[in-house]
Amino acid sequence: MLMVMTPVIQCLRKVDHASAVADSMAAERVLQALDELESAYRRPSERIVALEAVLHEFDRAGRVNDTPFSRLLRLTVERRQNKWSRYA
């Protein structure tokens, strides 16, 4: 059986990969993954929910929450959600 990869799952996999790779491109990879996620949804409200799902799943997976990477992800997602909330 082939599992369908939703945009949220695809984004989460890319964010996971970026968190595991210690290089200067981690932030850029996160931004690209979030850009792709947002482009998969038409309405701002859908984008907000998808961003929250990625953040929730990333936090839920048992990662340490107070790392520079997790702070970067949380801040980036919150800024994007705030941006889209003005259009929702």
Protein backbone atom coordinates (compact mmCIF):
# COMPACT_ATOMS: atom_id res chain seq x y z
CA MET A 1 0.00 0.00 0.00
CA LEU A 2 1.35 3.41 -0.99
CA MET A 3 0.96 6.13 1.64
CA VAL A 4 -0.08 9.52 0.32
CA MET A 5 2.22 12.26 1.52
CA THR A 6 0.20 15.32 2.43
CA PRO A 7 1.86 18.73 2.21
CA VAL A 8 2.12 18.79 6.02
CA ILE A 9 3.91 15.42 6.11
CA GLN A 10 6.25 16.48 3.30
CA CYS A 11 7.09 19.70 5.11
CA LEU A 12 7.60 17.91 8.41
CA ARG A 13 10.03 15.45 6.79
CA LYS A 14 12.05 18.35 5.35
CA VAL A 15 12.06 20.16 8.69
CA ASP A 16 13.15 16.95 10.43
CA HIS A 17 15.99 16.58 7.95
CA ALA A 18 17.04 20.19 8.41
CA SER A 19 17.07 19.75 12.20
CA ALA A 20 19.33 16.70 11.92
CA VAL A 21 21.87 18.31 9.61
CA ALA A 22 24.23 20.71 11.32
CA ASP A 23 25.06 23.15 8.57
CA SER A 24 24.49 26.77 7.73
CA MET A 25 21.74 25.88 5.28
CA ALA A 26 19.33 24.57 7.95
CA ALA A 27 17.43 27.86 8.20
CA GLU A 28 17.17 28.13 4.41
CA ARG A 29 15.85 24.56 4.21
CA VAL A 30 13.18 25.36 6.79
CA LEU A 31 12.11 28.46 4.88
CA GLN A 32 11.90 26.50 1.63
CA ALA A 33 9.87 23.73 3.26
CA LEU A 34 7.44 26.25 4.75
CA ASP A 35 7.16 28.08 1.40
CA GLU A 36 6.23 24.81 -0.29
CA LEU A 37 3.72 24.03 2.45
CA GLU A 38 2.03 27.40 2.13
CA SER A 39 1.86 27.14 -1.65
CA ALA A 40 -0.08 23.87 -1.32
CA TYR A 41 -3.02 25.70 0.26
CA ARG A 42 -5.13 28.42 -1.26
CA ARG A 43 -6.82 30.06 1.70
CA PRO A 44 -4.93 31.86 4.46
CA SER A 45 -6.88 29.93 7.11
CA GLU A 46 -5.74 26.62 5.60
CA ARG A 47 -2.16 27.84 5.62
CA ILE A 48 -2.39 28.83 9.28
CA VAL A 49 -3.74 25.39 10.21
CA ALA A 50 -1.06 23.61 8.17
CA LEU A 51 1.72 25.67 9.76
CA GLU A 52 0.34 24.87 13.21
CA ALA A 53 0.20 21.17 12.33
CA VAL A 54 3.87 21.15 11.37
CA LEU A 55 4.86 22.95 14.55
CA HIS A 56 2.69 20.68 16.70
CA GLU A 57 4.02 17.49 15.13
CA PHE A 58 7.61 18.69 15.40
CA ASP A 59 7.14 19.44 19.12
CA ARG A 60 5.20 16.24 19.73
CA ALA A 61 7.87 13.95 18.35
CA GLY A 62 9.80 14.17 21.62
CA ARG A 63 12.41 16.67 20.56
CA VAL A 64 14.04 19.05 22.99
CA ASN A 65 11.98 22.23 22.78
CA ASP A 66 14.57 24.74 23.85
CA THR A 67 17.16 24.31 21.11
CA PRO A 68 18.15 27.07 18.69
CA PHE A 69 16.55 25.08 15.86
CA SER A 70 13.21 24.65 17.65
CA ARG A 71 13.19 28.35 18.54
CA LEU A 72 13.90 29.22 14.90
CA LEU A 73 11.07 27.00 13.72
CA ARG A 74 8.60 28.32 16.29
CA LEU A 75 9.45 31.97 15.58
CA THR A 76 9.28 31.47 11.81
CA VAL A 77 5.94 29.67 11.98
CA GLU A 78 4.46 32.27 14.35
CA ARG A 79 5.51 35.12 12.06
CA ARG A 80 3.98 33.41 9.05
CA GLN A 81 0.77 32.66 10.95
CA ASN A 82 0.54 36.30 12.00
CA LYS A 83 1.03 37.37 8.40
CA TRP A 84 -1.73 35.05 7.14
CA SER A 85 -4.10 35.97 9.98
CA ARG A 86 -4.30 39.49 8.54
CA TYR A 87 -5.74 38.00 5.34
CA ALA A 88 -8.00 35.35 6.88
